[in-house]
Amino acid sequence: MKTEPTREHPDPYFLPDEVTLKVHEAMQEDVGSLVSLFKILSDPVRIHILKALWVSDLCVCVLVEITDYKHSALSYHLKLLKDASLVESKRERNFQMYCLTDFGESLLRTMESSFSENLQGKL
């Protein structure tokens, strides 16, 4: 008599109730502000602006000269970055100067140190 080989059945996946509850809570969290921040950071022009401001506080007129973008386009991007609390501006004589906020600098530093190393050649 020929016998069929028996298949081993894996143990069912078990998740403790407290973990299930925490996962459910995480899935219900409002992540709108985080999504908005990632949308702001999803444009290469805005990343380049942040990197330029990491080097030095700059006037829009300098950014216009070195990027060949129109003043209105750069002003739009700077407004979005300002609304996200990544940059701030102050008037110096006849110039509106932009600089990174502490949050903007911290975020850029984190992106540079973490993401750059981990994403090299993967995307």
Protein backbone atom coordinates (compact mmCIF):
# COMPACT_ATOMS: atom_id res chain seq x y z
CA MET A 1 0.00 0.00 0.00
CA LYS A 2 1.29 3.38 -1.05
CA THR A 3 1.08 6.21 1.45
CA GLU A 4 0.80 9.86 0.58
CA PRO A 5 3.48 12.10 1.98
CA THR A 6 2.12 14.24 4.74
CA ARG A 7 2.34 17.97 4.42
CA GLU A 8 3.25 19.91 7.46
CA HIS A 9 0.85 22.70 8.20
CA PRO A 10 2.50 25.83 9.49
CA ASP A 11 1.24 27.21 12.74
CA PRO A 12 -1.40 29.87 12.23
CA TYR A 13 -0.18 33.44 12.47
CA PHE A 14 -0.98 34.82 15.89
CA LEU A 15 -0.95 38.47 16.88
CA PRO A 16 -1.50 39.38 20.53
CA ASP A 17 -4.56 41.55 21.19
CA GLU A 18 -2.49 44.49 22.44
CA VAL A 19 -0.44 44.49 19.22
CA THR A 20 -3.60 44.27 17.12
CA LEU A 21 -5.00 47.27 19.00
CA LYS A 22 -1.81 49.31 18.51
CA VAL A 23 -1.72 48.44 14.79
CA HIS A 24 -5.35 49.48 14.46
CA GLU A 25 -4.65 52.78 16.25
CA ALA A 26 -1.64 53.45 13.99
CA MET A 27 -3.76 52.85 10.91
CA GLN A 28 -6.39 55.31 12.19
CA GLU A 29 -3.91 58.13 13.01
CA ASP A 30 -4.27 61.41 11.18
CA VAL A 31 -1.17 61.61 8.97
CA GLY A 32 -2.31 64.58 6.92
CA SER A 33 0.47 66.91 8.07
CA LEU A 34 3.13 64.28 7.37
CA VAL A 35 1.68 63.64 3.91
CA SER A 36 1.67 67.39 3.25
CA LEU A 37 5.33 67.63 4.27
CA PHE A 38 6.29 64.80 1.92
CA LYS A 39 4.39 66.51 -0.89
CA ILE A 40 6.38 69.68 -0.24
CA LEU A 41 9.60 67.67 -0.31
CA SER A 42 8.63 65.79 -3.47
CA ASP A 43 9.65 68.61 -5.80
CA PRO A 44 13.34 68.74 -6.81
CA VAL A 45 13.26 72.54 -7.05
CA ARG A 46 12.30 72.78 -3.39
CA ILE A 47 14.99 70.30 -2.35
CA HIS A 48 17.55 72.35 -4.29
CA ILE A 49 16.35 75.53 -2.58
CA LEU A 50 16.73 73.89 0.82
CA LYS A 51 20.24 72.72 -0.05
CA ALA A 52 21.20 76.18 -1.28
CA LEU A 53 19.87 77.76 1.91
CA TRP A 54 21.88 75.24 3.92
CA VAL A 55 24.98 76.81 2.42
CA SER A 56 23.93 80.40 3.09
CA ASP A 57 21.00 82.71 3.69
CA LEU A 58 19.98 83.95 0.26
CA CYS A 59 17.86 86.53 -1.47
CA VAL A 60 15.43 85.38 -4.18
CA CYS A 61 17.44 87.45 -6.66
CA VAL A 62 20.48 85.20 -6.08
CA LEU A 63 18.39 82.07 -6.56
CA VAL A 64 17.00 83.51 -9.80
CA GLU A 65 20.51 84.10 -11.12
CA ILE A 66 21.95 80.71 -10.27
CA THR A 67 18.93 78.62 -11.26
CA ASP A 68 17.45 80.40 -14.27
CA TYR A 69 14.01 80.00 -12.70
CA LYS A 70 11.66 82.95 -12.84
CA HIS A 71 11.26 85.08 -9.75
CA SER A 72 7.56 84.20 -9.53
CA ALA A 73 8.27 80.44 -9.66
CA LEU A 74 10.89 80.67 -6.92
CA SER A 75 8.62 82.83 -4.80
CA TYR A 76 5.91 80.18 -5.09
CA HIS A 77 8.28 77.42 -3.97
CA LEU A 78 9.65 79.56 -1.14
CA LYS A 79 6.11 80.28 0.06
CA LEU A 80 5.36 76.56 0.23
CA LEU A 81 8.59 75.94 2.14
CA LYS A 82 7.79 78.84 4.46
CA ASP A 83 4.24 77.57 5.07
CA ALA A 84 5.76 74.19 6.00
CA SER A 85 8.04 75.96 8.53
CA LEU A 86 11.15 74.81 6.66
CA VAL A 87 12.34 78.31 5.79
CA GLU A 88 11.78 81.79 7.13
CA SER A 89 12.42 85.21 5.71
CA LYS A 90 13.48 88.58 6.96
CA ARG A 91 13.93 91.94 5.32
CA GLU A 92 17.50 93.24 5.14
CA ARG A 93 17.65 96.68 3.54
CA ASN A 94 15.95 96.25 0.14
CA PHE A 95 16.23 92.45 0.10
CA GLN A 96 13.99 89.68 1.33
CA MET A 97 16.44 87.13 2.74
CA TYR A 98 15.54 83.46 3.20
CA CYS A 99 17.12 81.01 5.59
CA LEU A 100 16.45 77.54 6.93
CA THR A 101 14.53 77.21 10.17
CA ASP A 102 15.89 74.88 12.84
CA PHE A 103 13.29 72.36 11.69
CA GLY A 104 14.34 72.78 8.04
CA GLU A 105 18.00 72.35 8.88
CA SER A 106 17.33 69.31 11.04
CA LEU A 107 15.17 67.73 8.36
CA LEU A 108 17.73 68.39 5.64
CA ARG A 109 20.53 66.99 7.80
CA THR A 110 18.48 63.85 8.44
CA MET A 111 17.66 63.47 4.74
CA GLU A 112 21.31 63.90 3.79
CA SER A 113 22.70 61.46 6.34
CA SER A 114 20.02 58.78 6.21
CA PHE A 115 18.32 58.79 2.86
CA SER A 116 21.30 59.58 0.66
CA GLU A 117 23.28 56.58 1.93
CA ASN A 118 20.36 54.19 1.83
CA LEU A 119 18.94 55.21 -1.56
CA GLN A 120 22.18 55.32 -3.57
CA GLY A 121 21.47 53.39 -6.75
CA LYS A 122 18.27 51.80 -5.46
CA LEU A 123 15.72 54.03 -7.15
